[in-house]
């Protein structure tokens, strides 16, 4: 197996309504914003971006209870939104409020 693990501190920007798959599994799409300073070639670089995320199961239910503006520590992996899309999203396996 190849590595695909993301740990990201970000602010919750927005979330869609919690929905359920035909099998009854909760799923939530949400958007986060990240801002930090990183080292690139030994020099500081300001980094800012927004990213689409997806959570499934109990994690989706927990994130659905969090209001916009809250700081989160997210863990997950990157994948296409779906098999027909080229958009990359963060599939969130775990999170904590910061």
PDB file of N, CA and C in Angstrom:
ATOM      1  N   UNK A   1       0.847  -1.181   0.000  1.00  0.00           N
ATOM      2  CA  UNK A   1       0.000   0.000   0.000  1.00  0.00           C
ATOM      3  C   UNK A   1       0.888   1.238   0.000  1.00  0.00           C
ATOM      4  N   UNK A   2       0.520   2.223  -0.779  1.00  0.00           N
ATOM      5  CA  UNK A   2       1.250   3.492  -0.846  1.00  0.00           C
ATOM      6  C   UNK A   2       0.677   4.456   0.179  1.00  0.00           C
ATOM      7  N   UNK A   3       1.503   5.405   0.639  1.00  0.00           N
ATOM      8  CA  UNK A   3       1.054   6.387   1.630  1.00  0.00           C
ATOM      9  C   UNK A   3       0.097   7.394   1.024  1.00  0.00           C
ATOM     10  N   UNK A   4      -0.940   7.716   1.760  1.00  0.00           N
ATOM     11  CA  UNK A   4      -1.889   8.769   1.413  1.00  0.00           C
ATOM     12  C   UNK A   4      -2.559   9.172   2.715  1.00  0.00           C
ATOM     13  N   UNK A   5      -1.850   9.919   3.530  1.00  0.00           N
ATOM     14  CA  UNK A   5      -2.331  10.335   4.838  1.00  0.00           C
ATOM     15  C   UNK A   5      -2.170  11.839   4.962  1.00  0.00           C
ATOM     16  N   UNK A   6      -3.250  12.520   5.341  1.00  0.00           N
ATOM     17  CA  UNK A   6      -3.220  13.977   5.484  1.00  0.00           C
ATOM     18  C   UNK A   6      -3.637  14.336   6.901  1.00  0.00           C
ATOM     19  N   UNK A   7      -2.851  15.192   7.542  1.00  0.00           N
ATOM     20  CA  UNK A   7      -3.197  15.792   8.826  1.00  0.00           C
ATOM     21  C   UNK A   7      -3.217  17.289   8.587  1.00  0.00           C
ATOM     22  N   UNK A   8      -4.359  17.915   8.871  1.00  0.00           N
ATOM     23  CA  UNK A   8      -4.542  19.317   8.506  1.00  0.00           C
ATOM     24  C   UNK A   8      -5.284  20.066   9.600  1.00  0.00           C
ATOM     25  N   UNK A   9      -4.735  21.208   9.990  1.00  0.00           N
ATOM     26  CA  UNK A   9      -5.455  22.127  10.869  1.00  0.00           C
ATOM     27  C   UNK A   9      -6.179  23.110   9.967  1.00  0.00           C
ATOM     28  N   UNK A  10      -7.472  23.290  10.186  1.00  0.00           N
ATOM     29  CA  UNK A  10      -8.262  24.158   9.313  1.00  0.00           C
ATOM     30  C   UNK A  10      -9.487  24.673  10.041  1.00  0.00           C
ATOM     31  N   UNK A  11     -10.098  25.697   9.458  1.00  0.00           N
ATOM     32  CA  UNK A  11     -11.324  26.297   9.991  1.00  0.00           C
ATOM     33  C   UNK A  11     -12.495  25.833   9.135  1.00  0.00           C
ATOM     34  N   UNK A  12     -13.567  25.397   9.784  1.00  0.00           N
ATOM     35  CA  UNK A  12     -14.760  24.972   9.059  1.00  0.00           C
ATOM     36  C   UNK A  12     -15.419  26.198   8.431  1.00  0.00           C
ATOM     37  N   UNK A  13     -15.549  26.200   7.118  1.00  0.00           N
ATOM     38  CA  UNK A  13     -16.146  27.315   6.389  1.00  0.00           C
ATOM     39  C   UNK A  13     -17.648  27.089   6.232  1.00  0.00           C
ATOM     40  N   UNK A  14     -18.016  25.899   5.767  1.00  0.00           N
ATOM     41  CA  UNK A  14     -19.437  25.590   5.542  1.00  0.00           C
ATOM     42  C   UNK A  14     -19.610  24.080   5.458  1.00  0.00           C
ATOM     43  N   UNK A  15     -20.857  23.648   5.605  1.00  0.00           N
ATOM     44  CA  UNK A  15     -21.162  22.231   5.415  1.00  0.00           C
ATOM     45  C   UNK A  15     -22.555  22.102   4.806  1.00  0.00           C
ATOM     46  N   UNK A  16     -22.700  21.077   3.989  1.00  0.00           N
ATOM     47  CA  UNK A  16     -24.000  20.767   3.414  1.00  0.00           C
ATOM     48  C   UNK A  16     -24.851  20.087   4.475  1.00  0.00           C
ATOM     49  N   UNK A  17     -26.087  19.849   4.158  1.00  0.00           N
ATOM     50  CA  UNK A  17     -26.955  19.096   5.068  1.00  0.00           C
ATOM     51  C   UNK A  17     -26.475  17.639   5.114  1.00  0.00           C
ATOM     52  N   UNK A  18     -26.551  17.050   6.286  1.00  0.00           N
ATOM     53  CA  UNK A  18     -26.207  15.641   6.445  1.00  0.00           C
ATOM     54  C   UNK A  18     -27.182  14.822   5.616  1.00  0.00           C
ATOM     55  N   UNK A  19     -26.650  13.922   4.806  1.00  0.00           N
ATOM     56  CA  UNK A  19     -27.514  13.051   4.010  1.00  0.00           C
ATOM     57  C   UNK A  19     -27.134  11.605   4.286  1.00  0.00           C
ATOM     58  N   UNK A  20     -27.884  10.686   3.706  1.00  0.00           N
ATOM     59  CA  UNK A  20     -27.629   9.258   3.937  1.00  0.00           C
ATOM     60  C   UNK A  20     -27.592   8.520   2.606  1.00  0.00           C
ATOM     61  N   UNK A  21     -26.701   7.548   2.524  1.00  0.00           N
ATOM     62  CA  UNK A  21     -26.631   6.700   1.338  1.00  0.00           C
ATOM     63  C   UNK A  21     -27.872   5.813   1.313  1.00  0.00           C
ATOM     64  N   UNK A  22     -28.140   5.136   0.187  1.00  0.00           N
ATOM     65  CA  UNK A  22     -29.273   4.197   0.149  1.00  0.00           C
ATOM     66  C   UNK A  22     -29.192   3.115   1.232  1.00  0.00           C
ATOM     67  N   UNK A  23     -27.977   2.821   1.684  1.00  0.00           N
ATOM     68  CA  UNK A  23     -27.793   1.821   2.746  1.00  0.00           C
ATOM     69  C   UNK A  23     -27.972   2.429   4.138  1.00  0.00           C
ATOM     70  N   UNK A  24     -28.256   3.747   4.206  1.00  0.00           N
ATOM     71  CA  UNK A  24     -28.486   4.398   5.488  1.00  0.00           C
ATOM     72  C   UNK A  24     -27.244   4.939   6.167  1.00  0.00           C
ATOM     73  N   UNK A  25     -26.120   4.987   5.467  1.00  0.00           N
ATOM     74  CA  UNK A  25     -24.874   5.476   6.056  1.00  0.00           C
ATOM     75  C   UNK A  25     -24.823   7.003   5.927  1.00  0.00           C
ATOM     76  N   UNK A  26     -24.585   7.711   7.033  1.00  0.00           N
ATOM     77  CA  UNK A  26     -24.514   9.174   6.978  1.00  0.00           C
ATOM     78  C   UNK A  26     -23.297   9.637   6.165  1.00  0.00           C
ATOM     79  N   UNK A  27     -23.489  10.716   5.413  1.00  0.00           N
ATOM     80  CA  UNK A  27     -22.398  11.285   4.628  1.00  0.00           C
ATOM     81  C   UNK A  27     -22.537  12.806   4.640  1.00  0.00           C
ATOM     82  N   UNK A  28     -21.413  13.493   4.783  1.00  0.00           N
ATOM     83  CA  UNK A  28     -21.428  14.947   4.873  1.00  0.00           C
ATOM     84  C   UNK A  28     -20.321  15.536   4.000  1.00  0.00           C
ATOM     85  N   UNK A  29     -20.684  16.495   3.173  1.00  0.00           N
ATOM     86  CA  UNK A  29     -19.706  17.278   2.411  1.00  0.00           C
ATOM     87  C   UNK A  29     -19.537  18.604   3.133  1.00  0.00           C
ATOM     88  N   UNK A  30     -18.284  19.050   3.274  1.00  0.00           N
ATOM     89  CA  UNK A  30     -18.028  20.318   3.947  1.00  0.00           C
ATOM     90  C   UNK A  30     -16.773  20.957   3.377  1.00  0.00           C
ATOM     91  N   UNK A  31     -16.586  22.223   3.679  1.00  0.00           N
ATOM     92  CA  UNK A  31     -15.460  22.997   3.153  1.00  0.00           C
ATOM     93  C   UNK A  31     -14.675  23.591   4.324  1.00  0.00           C
ATOM     94  N   UNK A  32     -13.340  23.515   4.222  1.00  0.00           N
ATOM     95  CA  UNK A  32     -12.472  24.079   5.254  1.00  0.00           C
ATOM     96  C   UNK A  32     -11.484  25.059   4.625  1.00  0.00           C
ATOM     97  N   UNK A  33     -10.962  25.962   5.455  1.00  0.00           N
ATOM     98  CA  UNK A  33      -9.931  26.903   5.036  1.00  0.00           C
ATOM     99  C   UNK A  33      -8.701  26.691   5.908  1.00  0.00           C
ATOM    100  N   UNK A  34      -7.543  26.709   5.272  1.00  0.00           N
ATOM    101  CA  UNK A  34      -6.274  26.518   5.972  1.00  0.00           C
ATOM    102  C   UNK A  34      -5.389  27.745   5.751  1.00  0.00           C
ATOM    103  N   UNK A  35      -4.675  28.138   6.795  1.00  0.00           N
ATOM    104  CA  UNK A  35      -3.703  29.228   6.702  1.00  0.00           C
ATOM    105  C   UNK A  35      -2.520  28.864   7.598  1.00  0.00           C
ATOM    106  N   UNK A  36      -1.314  28.920   7.022  1.00  0.00           N
ATOM    107  CA  UNK A  36      -0.118  28.625   7.809  1.00  0.00           C
ATOM    108  C   UNK A  36       1.107  29.209   7.131  1.00  0.00           C
ATOM    109  N   UNK A  37       2.234  29.056   7.793  1.00  0.00           N
ATOM    110  CA  UNK A  37       3.522  29.402   7.202  1.00  0.00           C
ATOM    111  C   UNK A  37       4.339  28.120   7.142  1.00  0.00           C
ATOM    112  N   UNK A  38       4.854  27.799   5.953  1.00  0.00           N
ATOM    113  CA  UNK A  38       5.620  26.583   5.730  1.00  0.00           C
ATOM    114  C   UNK A  38       7.003  26.958   5.228  1.00  0.00           C
ATOM    115  N   UNK A  39       7.957  26.061   5.406  1.00  0.00           N
ATOM    116  CA  UNK A  39       9.285  26.272   4.852  1.00  0.00           C
ATOM    117  C   UNK A  39       9.361  25.660   3.466  1.00  0.00           C
ATOM    118  N   UNK A  40       9.861  26.446   2.529  1.00  0.00           N
ATOM    119  CA  UNK A  40      10.073  25.966   1.164  1.00  0.00           C
ATOM    120  C   UNK A  40      11.469  26.412   0.745  1.00  0.00           C
ATOM    121  N   UNK A  41      12.319  25.450   0.429  1.00  0.00           N
ATOM    122  CA  UNK A  41      13.712  25.739   0.067  1.00  0.00           C
ATOM    123  C   UNK A  41      14.396  26.575   1.150  1.00  0.00           C
ATOM    124  N   UNK A  42      14.055  26.276   2.414  1.00  0.00           N
ATOM    125  CA  UNK A  42      14.671  26.951   3.537  1.00  0.00           C
ATOM    126  C   UNK A  42      14.132  28.340   3.832  1.00  0.00           C
ATOM    127  N   UNK A  43      13.100  28.750   3.122  1.00  0.00           N
ATOM    128  CA  UNK A  43      12.529  30.082   3.323  1.00  0.00           C
ATOM    129  C   UNK A  43      11.059  29.961   3.695  1.00  0.00           C
ATOM    130  N   UNK A  44      10.582  30.869   4.541  1.00  0.00           N
ATOM    131  CA  UNK A  44       9.166  30.813   4.928  1.00  0.00           C
ATOM    132  C   UNK A  44       8.248  31.177   3.756  1.00  0.00           C
ATOM    133  N   UNK A  45       7.144  30.468   3.686  1.00  0.00           N
ATOM    134  CA  UNK A  45       6.143  30.717   2.647  1.00  0.00           C
ATOM    135  C   UNK A  45       4.764  30.730   3.302  1.00  0.00           C
ATOM    136  N   UNK A  46       3.999  31.758   3.015  1.00  0.00           N
ATOM    137  CA  UNK A  46       2.628  31.851   3.517  1.00  0.00           C
ATOM    138  C   UNK A  46       1.735  30.975   2.644  1.00  0.00           C
ATOM    139  N   UNK A  47       0.949  30.116   3.286  1.00  0.00           N
ATOM    140  CA  UNK A  47       0.086  29.180   2.562  1.00  0.00           C
ATOM    141  C   UNK A  47      -1.357  29.411   2.988  1.00  0.00           C
ATOM    142  N   UNK A  48      -2.242  29.586   2.019  1.00  0.00           N
ATOM    143  CA  UNK A  48      -3.676  29.736   2.268  1.00  0.00           C
ATOM    144  C   UNK A  48      -4.434  28.991   1.180  1.00  0.00           C
ATOM    145  N   UNK A  49      -5.441  28.202   1.583  1.00  0.00           N
ATOM    146  CA  UNK A  49      -6.298  27.552   0.598  1.00  0.00           C
ATOM    147  C   UNK A  49      -7.597  27.104   1.255  1.00  0.00           C
ATOM    148  N   UNK A  50      -8.585  26.835   0.427  1.00  0.00           N
ATOM    149  CA  UNK A  50      -9.820  26.201   0.862  1.00  0.00           C
ATOM    150  C   UNK A  50      -9.886  24.842   0.203  1.00  0.00           C
ATOM    151  N   UNK A  51     -10.536  23.905   0.878  1.00  0.00           N
ATOM    152  CA  UNK A  51     -10.583  22.536   0.382  1.00  0.00           C
ATOM    153  C   UNK A  51     -11.922  21.900   0.687  1.00  0.00           C
ATOM    154  N   UNK A  52     -12.414  21.124  -0.257  1.00  0.00           N
ATOM    155  CA  UNK A  52     -13.618  20.332  -0.058  1.00  0.00           C
ATOM    156  C   UNK A  52     -13.253  19.065   0.698  1.00  0.00           C
ATOM    157  N   UNK A  53     -14.141  18.662   1.607  1.00  0.00           N
ATOM    158  CA  UNK A  53     -13.934  17.463   2.407  1.00  0.00           C
ATOM    159  C   UNK A  53     -15.213  16.635   2.435  1.00  0.00           C
ATOM    160  N   UNK A  54     -15.061  15.359   2.735  1.00  0.00           N
ATOM    161  CA  UNK A  54     -16.189  14.444   2.885  1.00  0.00           C
ATOM    162  C   UNK A  54     -15.953  13.613   4.137  1.00  0.00           C
ATOM    163  N   UNK A  55     -17.001  13.387   4.890  1.00  0.00           N
ATOM    164  CA  UNK A  55     -16.942  12.494   6.049  1.00  0.00           C
ATOM    165  C   UNK A  55     -18.077  11.488   5.934  1.00  0.00           C
ATOM    166  N   UNK A  56     -17.829  10.277   6.387  1.00  0.00           N
ATOM    167  CA  UNK A  56     -18.803   9.189   6.276  1.00  0.00           C
ATOM    168  C   UNK A  56     -18.969   8.532   7.642  1.00  0.00           C
ATOM    169  N   UNK A  57     -20.185   8.095   7.928  1.00  0.00           N
ATOM    170  CA  UNK A  57     -20.453   7.371   9.172  1.00  0.00           C
ATOM    171  C   UNK A  57     -20.531   8.283  10.376  1.00  0.00           C
ATOM    172  N   UNK A  58     -20.099   7.781  11.544  1.00  0.00           N
ATOM    173  CA  UNK A  58     -20.182   8.563  12.778  1.00  0.00           C
ATOM    174  C   UNK A  58     -19.408   9.882  12.716  1.00  0.00           C
ATOM    175  N   UNK A  59     -18.304   9.919  11.967  1.00  0.00           N
ATOM    176  CA  UNK A  59     -17.545  11.171  11.827  1.00  0.00           C
ATOM    177  C   UNK A  59     -18.408  12.224  11.144  1.00  0.00           C
ATOM    178  N   UNK A  60     -19.172  11.830  10.131  1.00  0.00           N
ATOM    179  CA  UNK A  60     -20.074  12.763   9.444  1.00  0.00           C
ATOM    180  C   UNK A  60     -21.102  13.332  10.420  1.00  0.00           C
ATOM    181  N   UNK A  61     -21.648  12.490  11.257  1.00  0.00           N
ATOM    182  CA  UNK A  61     -22.638  12.956  12.236  1.00  0.00           C
ATOM    183  C   UNK A  61     -22.021  13.930  13.226  1.00  0.00           C
ATOM    184  N   UNK A  62     -20.787  13.670  13.642  1.00  0.00           N
ATOM    185  CA  UNK A  62     -20.112  14.557  14.598  1.00  0.00           C
ATOM    186  C   UNK A  62     -19.782  15.913  13.972  1.00  0.00           C
ATOM    187  N   UNK A  63     -19.238  15.910  12.756  1.00  0.00           N
ATOM    188  CA  UNK A  63     -18.883  17.170  12.105  1.00  0.00           C
ATOM    189  C   UNK A  63     -20.137  17.985  11.795  1.00  0.00           C
ATOM    190  N   UNK A  64     -21.252  17.326  11.504  1.00  0.00           N
ATOM    191  CA  UNK A  64     -22.502  18.031  11.216  1.00  0.00           C
ATOM    192  C   UNK A  64     -22.962  18.874  12.401  1.00  0.00           C
ATOM    193  N   UNK A  65     -22.492  18.550  13.605  1.00  0.00           N
ATOM    194  CA  UNK A  65     -22.867  19.292  14.808  1.00  0.00           C
ATOM    195  C   UNK A  65     -21.974  20.514  15.060  1.00  0.00           C
ATOM    196  N   UNK A  66     -20.909  20.650  14.267  1.00  0.00           N
ATOM    197  CA  UNK A  66     -19.942  21.736  14.456  1.00  0.00           C
ATOM    198  C   UNK A  66     -20.356  22.937  13.611  1.00  0.00           C
ATOM    199  N   UNK A  67     -20.310  24.108  14.201  1.00  0.00           N
ATOM    200  CA  UNK A  67     -20.682  25.318  13.489  1.00  0.00           C
ATOM    201  C   UNK A  67     -19.538  25.912  12.682  1.00  0.00           C
ATOM    202  N   UNK A  68     -19.868  26.658  11.636  1.00  0.00           N
ATOM    203  CA  UNK A  68     -18.839  27.336  10.839  1.00  0.00           C
ATOM    204  C   UNK A  68     -17.979  28.240  11.716  1.00  0.00           C
ATOM    205  N   UNK A  69     -16.710  28.350  11.344  1.00  0.00           N
ATOM    206  CA  UNK A  69     -15.773  29.190  12.083  1.00  0.00           C
ATOM    207  C   UNK A  69     -14.946  28.425  13.096  1.00  0.00           C
ATOM    208  N   UNK A  70     -15.346  27.217  13.441  1.00  0.00           N
ATOM    209  CA  UNK A  70     -14.596  26.423  14.424  1.00  0.00           C
ATOM    210  C   UNK A  70     -13.316  25.881  13.813  1.00  0.00           C
ATOM    211  N   UNK A  71     -12.272  25.848  14.629  1.00  0.00           N
ATOM    212  CA  UNK A  71     -10.985  25.300  14.212  1.00  0.00           C
ATOM    213  C   UNK A  71     -10.990  23.787  14.442  1.00  0.00           C
ATOM    214  N   UNK A  72     -10.513  23.056  13.437  1.00  0.00           N
ATOM    215  CA  UNK A  72     -10.512  21.595  13.478  1.00  0.00           C
ATOM    216  C   UNK A  72      -9.119  21.054  13.199  1.00  0.00           C
ATOM    217  N   UNK A  73      -8.807  19.920  13.773  1.00  0.00           N
ATOM    218  CA  UNK A  73      -7.633  19.130  13.409  1.00  0.00           C
ATOM    219  C   UNK A  73      -8.183  17.910  12.684  1.00  0.00           C
ATOM    220  N   UNK A  74      -7.947  17.825  11.382  1.00  0.00           N
ATOM    221  CA  UNK A  74      -8.511  16.767  10.546  1.00  0.00           C
ATOM    222  C   UNK A  74      -7.453  15.736  10.184  1.00  0.00           C
ATOM    223  N   UNK A  75      -7.869  14.482  10.071  1.00  0.00           N
ATOM    224  CA  UNK A  75      -7.014  13.403   9.564  1.00  0.00           C
ATOM    225  C   UNK A  75      -7.806  12.649   8.515  1.00  0.00           C
ATOM    226  N   UNK A  76      -7.133  12.280   7.444  1.00  0.00           N
ATOM    227  CA  UNK A  76      -7.824  11.525   6.406  1.00  0.00           C
ATOM    228  C   UNK A  76      -6.917  11.227   5.230  1.00  0.00           C
ATOM    229  N   UNK A  77      -7.538  11.051   4.063  1.00  0.00           N
ATOM    230  CA  UNK A  77      -6.791  10.728   2.846  1.00  0.00           C
ATOM    231  C   UNK A  77      -7.402  11.479   1.672  1.00  0.00           C
ATOM    232  N   UNK A  78      -6.626  11.652   0.617  1.00  0.00           N
ATOM    233  CA  UNK A  78      -7.086  12.344  -0.578  1.00  0.00           C
ATOM    234  C   UNK A  78      -7.582  11.342  -1.613  1.00  0.00           C
ATOM    235  N   UNK A  79      -8.692  11.689  -2.265  1.00  0.00           N
ATOM    236  CA  UNK A  79      -9.248  10.848  -3.326  1.00  0.00           C
ATOM    237  C   UNK A  79     -10.162  11.699  -4.199  1.00  0.00           C
ATOM    238  N   UNK A  80     -10.541  11.169  -5.343  1.00  0.00           N
ATOM    239  CA  UNK A  80     -11.517  11.845  -6.183  1.00  0.00           C
ATOM    240  C   UNK A  80     -12.844  11.926  -5.452  1.00  0.00           C
ATOM    241  N   UNK A  81     -13.603  12.990  -5.749  1.00  0.00           N
ATOM    242  CA  UNK A  81     -14.936  13.129  -5.158  1.00  0.00           C
ATOM    243  C   UNK A  81     -15.777  11.897  -5.489  1.00  0.00           C
ATOM    244  N   UNK A  82     -15.731  11.449  -6.713  1.00  0.00           N
ATOM    245  CA  UNK A  82     -16.388  10.206  -7.139  1.00  0.00           C
ATOM    246  C   UNK A  82     -15.651   9.690  -8.363  1.00  0.00           C
ATOM    247  N   UNK A  83     -16.024   8.556  -8.858  1.00  0.00           N
ATOM    248  CA  UNK A  83     -15.250   7.951  -9.949  1.00  0.00           C
ATOM    249  C   UNK A  83     -15.338   8.717 -11.258  1.00  0.00           C
ATOM    250  N   UNK A  84     -16.321   9.608 -11.390  1.00  0.00           N
ATOM    251  CA  UNK A  84     -16.480  10.394 -12.611  1.00  0.00           C
ATOM    252  C   UNK A  84     -15.830  11.773 -12.514  1.00  0.00           C
ATOM    253  N   UNK A  85     -15.330  12.136 -11.348  1.00  0.00           N
ATOM    254  CA  UNK A  85     -14.809  13.478 -11.087  1.00  0.00           C
ATOM    255  C   UNK A  85     -13.286  13.484 -11.067  1.00  0.00           C
ATOM    256  N   UNK A  86     -12.707  14.629 -11.427  1.00  0.00           N
ATOM    257  CA  UNK A  86     -11.263  14.814 -11.285  1.00  0.00           C
ATOM    258  C   UNK A  86     -10.950  15.693 -10.083  1.00  0.00           C
ATOM    259  N   UNK A  87     -11.992  16.133  -9.365  1.00  0.00           N
ATOM    260  CA  UNK A  87     -11.800  16.976  -8.190  1.00  0.00           C
ATOM    261  C   UNK A  87     -11.295  16.131  -7.018  1.00  0.00           C
ATOM    262  N   UNK A  88     -10.216  16.590  -6.404  1.00  0.00           N
ATOM    263  CA  UNK A  88      -9.651  15.908  -5.237  1.00  0.00           C
ATOM    264  C   UNK A  88     -10.268  16.483  -3.968  1.00  0.00           C
ATOM    265  N   UNK A  89     -10.684  15.604  -3.064  1.00  0.00           N
ATOM    266  CA  UNK A  89     -11.247  16.029  -1.788  1.00  0.00           C
ATOM    267  C   UNK A  89     -10.551  15.263  -0.665  1.00  0.00           C
ATOM    268  N   UNK A  90     -10.643  15.810   0.549  1.00  0.00           N
ATOM    269  CA  UNK A  90     -10.100  15.152   1.730  1.00  0.00           C
ATOM    270  C   UNK A  90     -11.207  14.310   2.356  1.00  0.00           C
ATOM    271  N   UNK A  91     -11.043  13.001   2.344  1.00  0.00           N
ATOM    272  CA  UNK A  91     -11.972  12.102   3.030  1.00  0.00           C
ATOM    273  C   UNK A  91     -11.509  12.009   4.475  1.00  0.00           C
ATOM    274  N   UNK A  92     -12.319  12.505   5.377  1.00  0.00           N
ATOM    275  CA  UNK A  92     -11.944  12.676   6.774  1.00  0.00           C
ATOM    276  C   UNK A  92     -12.262  11.425   7.584  1.00  0.00           C
ATOM    277  N   UNK A  93     -11.218  10.852   8.191  1.00  0.00           N
ATOM    278  CA  UNK A  93     -11.367   9.666   9.040  1.00  0.00           C
ATOM    279  C   UNK A  93     -11.522  10.024  10.504  1.00  0.00           C
ATOM    280  N   UNK A  94     -11.015  11.195  10.891  1.00  0.00           N
ATOM    281  CA  UNK A  94     -11.077  11.594  12.289  1.00  0.00           C
ATOM    282  C   UNK A  94     -10.899  13.110  12.361  1.00  0.00           C
ATOM    283  N   UNK A  95     -11.362  13.703  13.452  1.00  0.00           N
ATOM    284  CA  UNK A  95     -11.158  15.122  13.675  1.00  0.00           C
ATOM    285  C   UNK A  95     -11.266  15.414  15.155  1.00  0.00           C
ATOM    286  N   UNK A  96     -10.724  16.555  15.522  1.00  0.00           N
ATOM    287  CA  UNK A  96     -10.858  17.065  16.901  1.00  0.00           C
ATOM    288  C   UNK A  96     -11.058  18.572  16.810  1.00  0.00           C
ATOM    289  N   UNK A  97     -11.805  19.102  17.771  1.00  0.00           N
ATOM    290  CA  UNK A  97     -11.948  20.552  17.856  1.00  0.00           C
ATOM    291  C   UNK A  97     -10.662  21.115  18.443  1.00  0.00           C
ATOM    292  N   UNK A  98     -10.238  22.254  17.941  1.00  0.00           N
ATOM    293  CA  UNK A  98      -9.009  22.883  18.449  1.00  0.00           C
ATOM    294  C   UNK A  98      -9.371  24.048  19.331  1.00  0.00           C
TER     295      UNK A  98
END
